[in-house]
Amino acid sequence: MVEVSVRDAGQTLAERPGRAATGEQVTIIRDGEAVAPFSPVDHPAGGDAGGIIAELRELRRGTTHGGVALRGLIEEGRR
């Protein structure tokens, strides 16, 4: 983990997102005390778009509302 002052963080802010994307974690320090973390966002495992779309399509299959298929409700809404 890297610690940087508020001043240094402001001067290098433009490069921080790219470095965070590589896994770098930074703690921003003011007057010797930690005031804010800057770290990469955790993405769910297996977050590829194709897999997610396939899961949604499978979930959608057979979904009904009051006995009417979801596809039928969508088509009715388009009329």
PDB file of N, CA and C in Angstrom:
ATOM      1  N   MET A   1       0.851  -1.176   0.000  1.00  0.00           N
ATOM      2  CA  MET A   1       0.000   0.000   0.000  1.00  0.00           C
ATOM      3  C   MET A   1       0.893   1.234   0.000  1.00  0.00           C
ATOM      4  N   VAL A   2       0.457   2.257  -0.727  1.00  0.00           N
ATOM      5  CA  VAL A   2       1.191   3.514  -0.846  1.00  0.00           C
ATOM      6  C   VAL A   2       0.440   4.572  -0.048  1.00  0.00           C
ATOM      7  N   GLU A   3       1.213   5.433   0.630  1.00  0.00           N
ATOM      8  CA  GLU A   3       0.607   6.557   1.333  1.00  0.00           C
ATOM      9  C   GLU A   3       1.076   7.836   0.667  1.00  0.00           C
ATOM     10  N   VAL A   4       0.132   8.742   0.373  1.00  0.00           N
ATOM     11  CA  VAL A   4       0.470  10.029  -0.232  1.00  0.00           C
ATOM     12  C   VAL A   4      -0.255  11.141   0.505  1.00  0.00           C
ATOM     13  N   SER A   5       0.355  12.317   0.496  1.00  0.00           N
ATOM     14  CA  SER A   5      -0.286  13.468   1.128  1.00  0.00           C
ATOM     15  C   SER A   5      -1.435  13.958   0.259  1.00  0.00           C
ATOM     16  N   VAL A   6      -2.305  14.743   0.847  1.00  0.00           N
ATOM     17  CA  VAL A   6      -3.425  15.319   0.103  1.00  0.00           C
ATOM     18  C   VAL A   6      -2.888  16.135  -1.071  1.00  0.00           C
ATOM     19  N   ARG A   7      -1.837  16.894  -0.840  1.00  0.00           N
ATOM     20  CA  ARG A   7      -1.252  17.726  -1.898  1.00  0.00           C
ATOM     21  C   ARG A   7      -0.735  16.869  -3.048  1.00  0.00           C
ATOM     22  N   ASP A   8       0.043  15.835  -2.720  1.00  0.00           N
ATOM     23  CA  ASP A   8       0.582  14.951  -3.767  1.00  0.00           C
ATOM     24  C   ASP A   8      -0.533  14.199  -4.491  1.00  0.00           C
ATOM     25  N   ALA A   9      -1.554  13.802  -3.761  1.00  0.00           N
ATOM     26  CA  ALA A   9      -2.672  13.099  -4.391  1.00  0.00           C
ATOM     27  C   ALA A   9      -3.356  14.002  -5.411  1.00  0.00           C
ATOM     28  N   GLY A  10      -3.513  15.277  -5.074  1.00  0.00           N
ATOM     29  CA  GLY A  10      -4.135  16.220  -5.999  1.00  0.00           C
ATOM     30  C   GLY A  10      -3.302  16.432  -7.248  1.00  0.00           C
ATOM     31  N   GLN A  11      -1.980  16.445  -7.081  1.00  0.00           N
ATOM     32  CA  GLN A  11      -1.093  16.667  -8.220  1.00  0.00           C
ATOM     33  C   GLN A  11      -1.012  15.455  -9.143  1.00  0.00           C
ATOM     34  N   THR A  12      -1.261  14.284  -8.600  1.00  0.00           N
ATOM     35  CA  THR A  12      -1.149  13.049  -9.405  1.00  0.00           C
ATOM     36  C   THR A  12      -2.500  12.369  -9.609  1.00  0.00           C
ATOM     37  N   LEU A  13      -3.571  13.107  -9.382  1.00  0.00           N
ATOM     38  CA  LEU A  13      -4.906  12.508  -9.457  1.00  0.00           C
ATOM     39  C   LEU A  13      -5.199  11.868 -10.810  1.00  0.00           C
ATOM     40  N   ALA A  14      -4.770  12.479 -11.888  1.00  0.00           N
ATOM     41  CA  ALA A  14      -5.074  11.961 -13.222  1.00  0.00           C
ATOM     42  C   ALA A  14      -4.498  10.569 -13.450  1.00  0.00           C
ATOM     43  N   GLU A  15      -3.393  10.239 -12.810  1.00  0.00           N
ATOM     44  CA  GLU A  15      -2.791   8.915 -13.025  1.00  0.00           C
ATOM     45  C   GLU A  15      -3.300   7.858 -12.048  1.00  0.00           C
ATOM     46  N   ARG A  16      -3.977   8.248 -11.002  1.00  0.00           N
ATOM     47  CA  ARG A  16      -4.412   7.301  -9.965  1.00  0.00           C
ATOM     48  C   ARG A  16      -5.388   6.228 -10.462  1.00  0.00           C
ATOM     49  N   PRO A  17      -6.416   6.562 -11.268  1.00  0.00           N
ATOM     50  CA  PRO A  17      -7.334   5.493 -11.699  1.00  0.00           C
ATOM     51  C   PRO A  17      -6.639   4.377 -12.468  1.00  0.00           C
ATOM     52  N   GLY A  18      -5.695   4.731 -13.329  1.00  0.00           N
ATOM     53  CA  GLY A  18      -4.970   3.705 -14.076  1.00  0.00           C
ATOM     54  C   GLY A  18      -4.147   2.823 -13.161  1.00  0.00           C
ATOM     55  N   ARG A  19      -3.544   3.423 -12.173  1.00  0.00           N
ATOM     56  CA  ARG A  19      -2.740   2.642 -11.228  1.00  0.00           C
ATOM     57  C   ARG A  19      -3.626   1.790 -10.337  1.00  0.00           C
ATOM     58  N   ALA A  20      -4.791   2.314  -9.959  1.00  0.00           N
ATOM     59  CA  ALA A  20      -5.724   1.525  -9.150  1.00  0.00           C
ATOM     60  C   ALA A  20      -6.217   0.309  -9.934  1.00  0.00           C
ATOM     61  N   ALA A  21      -6.395   0.488 -11.241  1.00  0.00           N
ATOM     62  CA  ALA A  21      -6.865  -0.621 -12.077  1.00  0.00           C
ATOM     63  C   ALA A  21      -5.862  -1.772 -12.087  1.00  0.00           C
ATOM     64  N   THR A  22      -4.586  -1.468 -11.841  1.00  0.00           N
ATOM     65  CA  THR A  22      -3.571  -2.522 -11.786  1.00  0.00           C
ATOM     66  C   THR A  22      -3.469  -3.132 -10.400  1.00  0.00           C
ATOM     67  N   GLY A  23      -4.273  -2.629  -9.457  1.00  0.00           N
ATOM     68  CA  GLY A  23      -4.309  -3.209  -8.113  1.00  0.00           C
ATOM     69  C   GLY A  23      -3.663  -2.366  -7.035  1.00  0.00           C
ATOM     70  N   GLU A  24      -3.102  -1.224  -7.407  1.00  0.00           N
ATOM     71  CA  GLU A  24      -2.444  -0.380  -6.405  1.00  0.00           C
ATOM     72  C   GLU A  24      -3.466   0.199  -5.426  1.00  0.00           C
ATOM     73  N   GLN A  25      -3.139   0.135  -4.143  1.00  0.00           N
ATOM     74  CA  GLN A  25      -3.985   0.730  -3.112  1.00  0.00           C
ATOM     75  C   GLN A  25      -3.240   1.906  -2.506  1.00  0.00           C
ATOM     76  N   VAL A  26      -3.927   3.027  -2.373  1.00  0.00           N
ATOM     77  CA  VAL A  26      -3.309   4.249  -1.867  1.00  0.00           C
ATOM     78  C   VAL A  26      -4.135   4.764  -0.695  1.00  0.00           C
ATOM     79  N   THR A  27      -3.445   5.205   0.333  1.00  0.00           N
ATOM     80  CA  THR A  27      -4.119   5.885   1.440  1.00  0.00           C
ATOM     81  C   THR A  27      -3.690   7.341   1.396  1.00  0.00           C
ATOM     82  N   ILE A  28      -4.662   8.234   1.405  1.00  0.00           N
ATOM     83  CA  ILE A  28      -4.378   9.667   1.372  1.00  0.00           C
ATOM     84  C   ILE A  28      -4.250  10.146   2.817  1.00  0.00           C
ATOM     85  N   ILE A  29      -3.167  10.858   3.065  1.00  0.00           N
ATOM     86  CA  ILE A  29      -2.798  11.282   4.412  1.00  0.00           C
ATOM     87  C   ILE A  29      -2.896  12.803   4.531  1.00  0.00           C
ATOM     88  N   ARG A  30      -3.474  13.277   5.641  1.00  0.00           N
ATOM     89  CA  ARG A  30      -3.494  14.716   5.946  1.00  0.00           C
ATOM     90  C   ARG A  30      -3.018  14.884   7.386  1.00  0.00           C
ATOM     91  N   ASP A  31      -2.033  15.718   7.571  1.00  0.00           N
ATOM     92  CA  ASP A  31      -1.462  15.974   8.909  1.00  0.00           C
ATOM     93  C   ASP A  31      -1.083  14.667   9.609  1.00  0.00           C
ATOM     94  N   GLY A  32      -0.534  13.727   8.840  1.00  0.00           N
ATOM     95  CA  GLY A  32      -0.056  12.471   9.418  1.00  0.00           C
ATOM     96  C   GLY A  32      -1.118  11.422   9.679  1.00  0.00           C
ATOM     97  N   GLU A  33      -2.379  11.721   9.361  1.00  0.00           N
ATOM     98  CA  GLU A  33      -3.457  10.751   9.604  1.00  0.00           C
ATOM     99  C   GLU A  33      -4.136  10.357   8.309  1.00  0.00           C
ATOM    100  N   ALA A  34      -4.495   9.087   8.207  1.00  0.00           N
ATOM    101  CA  ALA A  34      -5.195   8.584   7.023  1.00  0.00           C
ATOM    102  C   ALA A  34      -6.576   9.225   6.952  1.00  0.00           C
ATOM    103  N   VAL A  35      -6.920   9.764   5.766  1.00  0.00           N
ATOM    104  CA  VAL A  35      -8.224  10.402   5.607  1.00  0.00           C
ATOM    105  C   VAL A  35      -9.078   9.748   4.529  1.00  0.00           C
ATOM    106  N   ALA A  36      -8.450   9.051   3.569  1.00  0.00           N
ATOM    107  CA  ALA A  36      -9.251   8.438   2.509  1.00  0.00           C
ATOM    108  C   ALA A  36      -8.480   7.306   1.824  1.00  0.00           C
ATOM    109  N   PRO A  37      -9.184   6.211   1.533  1.00  0.00           N
ATOM    110  CA  PRO A  37      -8.561   5.140   0.754  1.00  0.00           C
ATOM    111  C   PRO A  37      -8.820   5.356  -0.731  1.00  0.00           C
ATOM    112  N   PHE A  38      -7.916   4.908  -1.561  1.00  0.00           N
ATOM    113  CA  PHE A  38      -8.097   4.932  -3.011  1.00  0.00           C
ATOM    114  C   PHE A  38      -7.654   3.563  -3.477  1.00  0.00           C
ATOM    115  N   SER A  39      -8.615   2.743  -3.896  1.00  0.00           N
ATOM    116  CA  SER A  39      -8.275   1.362  -4.236  1.00  0.00           C
ATOM    117  C   SER A  39      -9.119   0.874  -5.408  1.00  0.00           C
ATOM    118  N   PRO A  40      -8.703  -0.227  -6.026  1.00  0.00           N
ATOM    119  CA  PRO A  40      -9.463  -0.766  -7.149  1.00  0.00           C
ATOM    120  C   PRO A  40     -10.827  -1.278  -6.700  1.00  0.00           C
ATOM    121  N   VAL A  41     -11.770  -1.263  -7.610  1.00  0.00           N
ATOM    122  CA  VAL A  41     -13.113  -1.777  -7.348  1.00  0.00           C
ATOM    123  C   VAL A  41     -13.078  -3.286  -7.524  1.00  0.00           C
ATOM    124  N   ASP A  42     -13.689  -4.007  -6.592  1.00  0.00           N
ATOM    125  CA  ASP A  42     -13.778  -5.461  -6.725  1.00  0.00           C
ATOM    126  C   ASP A  42     -14.882  -5.791  -7.714  1.00  0.00           C
ATOM    127  N   HIS A  43     -14.537  -6.561  -8.732  1.00  0.00           N
ATOM    128  CA  HIS A  43     -15.512  -7.000  -9.710  1.00  0.00           C
ATOM    129  C   HIS A  43     -15.889  -8.442  -9.406  1.00  0.00           C
ATOM    130  N   PRO A  44     -17.160  -8.795  -9.591  1.00  0.00           N
ATOM    131  CA  PRO A  44     -17.550 -10.171  -9.319  1.00  0.00           C
ATOM    132  C   PRO A  44     -16.785 -11.146 -10.204  1.00  0.00           C
ATOM    133  N   ALA A  45     -16.486 -12.304  -9.653  1.00  0.00           N
ATOM    134  CA  ALA A  45     -15.781 -13.335 -10.419  1.00  0.00           C
ATOM    135  C   ALA A  45     -16.622 -13.758 -11.609  1.00  0.00           C
ATOM    136  N   GLY A  46     -15.973 -14.040 -12.720  1.00  0.00           N
ATOM    137  CA  GLY A  46     -16.697 -14.485 -13.911  1.00  0.00           C
ATOM    138  C   GLY A  46     -17.564 -13.390 -14.495  1.00  0.00           C
ATOM    139  N   GLY A  47     -17.111 -12.162 -14.436  1.00  0.00           N
ATOM    140  CA  GLY A  47     -17.911 -11.033 -14.887  1.00  0.00           C
ATOM    141  C   GLY A  47     -17.855 -10.764 -16.371  1.00  0.00           C
ATOM    142  N   ASP A  48     -17.630 -11.801 -17.179  1.00  0.00           N
ATOM    143  CA  ASP A  48     -17.603 -11.550 -18.611  1.00  0.00           C
ATOM    144  C   ASP A  48     -19.022 -11.320 -19.120  1.00  0.00           C
ATOM    145  N   ALA A  49     -19.174 -10.405 -20.044  1.00  0.00           N
ATOM    146  CA  ALA A  49     -20.494 -10.003 -20.527  1.00  0.00           C
ATOM    147  C   ALA A  49     -21.260 -11.167 -21.145  1.00  0.00           C
ATOM    148  N   GLY A  50     -20.590 -12.011 -21.916  1.00  0.00           N
ATOM    149  CA  GLY A  50     -21.264 -13.134 -22.556  1.00  0.00           C
ATOM    150  C   GLY A  50     -21.881 -14.085 -21.540  1.00  0.00           C
ATOM    151  N   GLY A  51     -21.153 -14.361 -20.474  1.00  0.00           N
ATOM    152  CA  GLY A  51     -21.660 -15.247 -19.426  1.00  0.00           C
ATOM    153  C   GLY A  51     -22.848 -14.651 -18.700  1.00  0.00           C
ATOM    154  N   ILE A  52     -22.773 -13.370 -18.433  1.00  0.00           N
ATOM    155  CA  ILE A  52     -23.873 -12.693 -17.738  1.00  0.00           C
ATOM    156  C   ILE A  52     -25.128 -12.691 -18.606  1.00  0.00           C
ATOM    157  N   ILE A  53     -24.967 -12.405 -19.890  1.00  0.00           N
ATOM    158  CA  ILE A  53     -26.116 -12.405 -20.807  1.00  0.00           C
ATOM    159  C   ILE A  53     -26.736 -13.797 -20.878  1.00  0.00           C
ATOM    160  N   ALA A  54     -25.912 -14.827 -20.948  1.00  0.00           N
ATOM    161  CA  ALA A  54     -26.429 -16.203 -20.994  1.00  0.00           C
ATOM    162  C   ALA A  54     -27.217 -16.528 -19.725  1.00  0.00           C
ATOM    163  N   GLU A  55     -26.694 -16.092 -18.562  1.00  0.00           N
ATOM    164  CA  GLU A  55     -27.409 -16.327 -17.300  1.00  0.00           C
ATOM    165  C   GLU A  55     -28.754 -15.617 -17.289  1.00  0.00           C
ATOM    166  N   LEU A  56     -28.793 -14.377 -17.776  1.00  0.00           N
ATOM    167  CA  LEU A  56     -30.053 -13.628 -17.814  1.00  0.00           C
ATOM    168  C   LEU A  56     -31.065 -14.285 -18.750  1.00  0.00           C
ATOM    169  N   ARG A  57     -30.595 -14.761 -19.889  1.00  0.00           N
ATOM    170  CA  ARG A  57     -31.501 -15.436 -20.823  1.00  0.00           C
ATOM    171  C   ARG A  57     -32.076 -16.704 -20.199  1.00  0.00           C
ATOM    172  N   GLU A  58     -31.255 -17.444 -19.496  1.00  0.00           N
ATOM    173  CA  GLU A  58     -31.725 -18.670 -18.837  1.00  0.00           C
ATOM    174  C   GLU A  58     -32.726 -18.321 -17.738  1.00  0.00           C
ATOM    175  N   LEU A  59     -32.451 -17.289 -16.984  1.00  0.00           N
ATOM    176  CA  LEU A  59     -33.365 -16.854 -15.930  1.00  0.00           C
ATOM    177  C   LEU A  59     -34.705 -16.421 -16.509  1.00  0.00           C
ATOM    178  N   ARG A  60     -34.660 -15.768 -17.666  1.00  0.00           N
ATOM    179  CA  ARG A  60     -35.878 -15.256 -18.306  1.00  0.00           C
ATOM    180  C   ARG A  60     -36.770 -16.378 -18.826  1.00  0.00           C
ATOM    181  N   ARG A  61     -36.174 -17.492 -19.218  1.00  0.00           N
ATOM    182  CA  ARG A  61     -36.954 -18.615 -19.755  1.00  0.00           C
ATOM    183  C   ARG A  61     -37.983 -19.096 -18.743  1.00  0.00           C
ATOM    184  N   GLY A  62     -39.191 -19.173 -19.173  1.00  0.00           N
ATOM    185  CA  GLY A  62     -40.251 -19.709 -18.321  1.00  0.00           C
ATOM    186  C   GLY A  62     -40.795 -18.728 -17.295  1.00  0.00           C
ATOM    187  N   THR A  63     -40.324 -17.499 -17.295  1.00  0.00           N
ATOM    188  CA  THR A  63     -40.817 -16.515 -16.340  1.00  0.00           C
ATOM    189  C   THR A  63     -42.190 -16.032 -16.789  1.00  0.00           C
ATOM    190  N   THR A  64     -43.159 -16.120 -15.880  1.00  0.00           N
ATOM    191  CA  THR A  64     -44.513 -15.686 -16.210  1.00  0.00           C
ATOM    192  C   THR A  64     -45.020 -14.716 -15.154  1.00  0.00           C
ATOM    193  N   HIS A  65     -46.057 -14.007 -15.534  1.00  0.00           N
ATOM    194  CA  HIS A  65     -46.730 -13.108 -14.605  1.00  0.00           C
ATOM    195  C   HIS A  65     -48.224 -13.395 -14.729  1.00  0.00           C
ATOM    196  N   GLY A  66     -48.760 -14.053 -13.758  1.00  0.00           N
ATOM    197  CA  GLY A  66     -50.172 -14.401 -13.812  1.00  0.00           C
ATOM    198  C   GLY A  66     -50.485 -15.359 -14.959  1.00  0.00           C
ATOM    199  N   GLY A  67     -49.540 -16.234 -15.298  1.00  0.00           N
ATOM    200  CA  GLY A  67     -49.753 -17.192 -16.367  1.00  0.00           C
ATOM    201  C   GLY A  67     -49.420 -16.663 -17.753  1.00  0.00           C
ATOM    202  N   VAL A  68     -49.084 -15.383 -17.864  1.00  0.00           N
ATOM    203  CA  VAL A  68     -48.717 -14.798 -19.156  1.00  0.00           C
ATOM    204  C   VAL A  68     -47.198 -14.737 -19.221  1.00  0.00           C
ATOM    205  N   ALA A  69     -46.625 -15.235 -20.320  1.00  0.00           N
ATOM    206  CA  ALA A  69     -45.171 -15.231 -20.469  1.00  0.00           C
ATOM    207  C   ALA A  69     -44.649 -13.806 -20.560  1.00  0.00           C
ATOM    208  N   LEU A  70     -43.464 -13.602 -20.061  1.00  0.00           N
ATOM    209  CA  LEU A  70     -42.829 -12.295 -20.088  1.00  0.00           C
ATOM    210  C   LEU A  70     -42.732 -11.751 -21.513  1.00  0.00           C
ATOM    211  N   ARG A  71     -42.389 -12.591 -22.464  1.00  0.00           N
ATOM    212  CA  ARG A  71     -42.283 -12.171 -23.863  1.00  0.00           C
ATOM    213  C   ARG A  71     -43.629 -11.624 -24.349  1.00  0.00           C
ATOM    214  N   GLY A  72     -44.723 -12.265 -23.960  1.00  0.00           N
ATOM    215  CA  GLY A  72     -46.055 -11.793 -24.363  1.00  0.00           C
ATOM    216  C   GLY A  72     -46.363 -10.416 -23.800  1.00  0.00           C
ATOM    217  N   LEU A  73     -45.958 -10.181 -22.548  1.00  0.00           N
ATOM    218  CA  LEU A  73     -46.179  -8.871 -21.943  1.00  0.00           C
ATOM    219  C   LEU A  73     -45.362  -7.789 -22.666  1.00  0.00           C
ATOM    220  N   ILE A  74     -44.139  -8.127 -23.039  1.00  0.00           N
ATOM    221  CA  ILE A  74     -43.300  -7.173 -23.763  1.00  0.00           C
ATOM    222  C   ILE A  74     -43.930  -6.823 -25.105  1.00  0.00           C
ATOM    223  N   GLU A  75     -44.344  -7.843 -25.831  1.00  0.00           N
ATOM    224  CA  GLU A  75     -44.970  -7.614 -27.149  1.00  0.00           C
ATOM    225  C   GLU A  75     -46.249  -6.804 -27.004  1.00  0.00           C
ATOM    226  N   GLU A  76     -47.053  -7.096 -25.980  1.00  0.00           N
ATOM    227  CA  GLU A  76     -48.296  -6.350 -25.777  1.00  0.00           C
ATOM    228  C   GLU A  76     -47.995  -4.882 -25.479  1.00  0.00           C
ATOM    229  N   GLY A  77     -46.925  -4.619 -24.757  1.00  0.00           N
ATOM    230  CA  GLY A  77     -46.553  -3.240 -24.437  1.00  0.00           C
ATOM    231  C   GLY A  77     -46.099  -2.467 -25.666  1.00  0.00           C
ATOM    232  N   ARG A  78     -45.659  -3.158 -26.697  1.00  0.00           N
ATOM    233  CA  ARG A  78     -45.190  -2.492 -27.916  1.00  0.00           C
ATOM    234  C   ARG A  78     -46.324  -2.124 -28.850  1.00  0.00           C
ATOM    235  N   ARG A  79     -47.506  -2.653 -28.596  1.00  0.00           N
ATOM    236  CA  ARG A  79     -48.649  -2.356 -29.500  1.00  0.00           C
ATOM    237  C   ARG A  79     -49.274  -1.034 -29.197  1.00  0.00           C
TER     238      ARG A  79
END
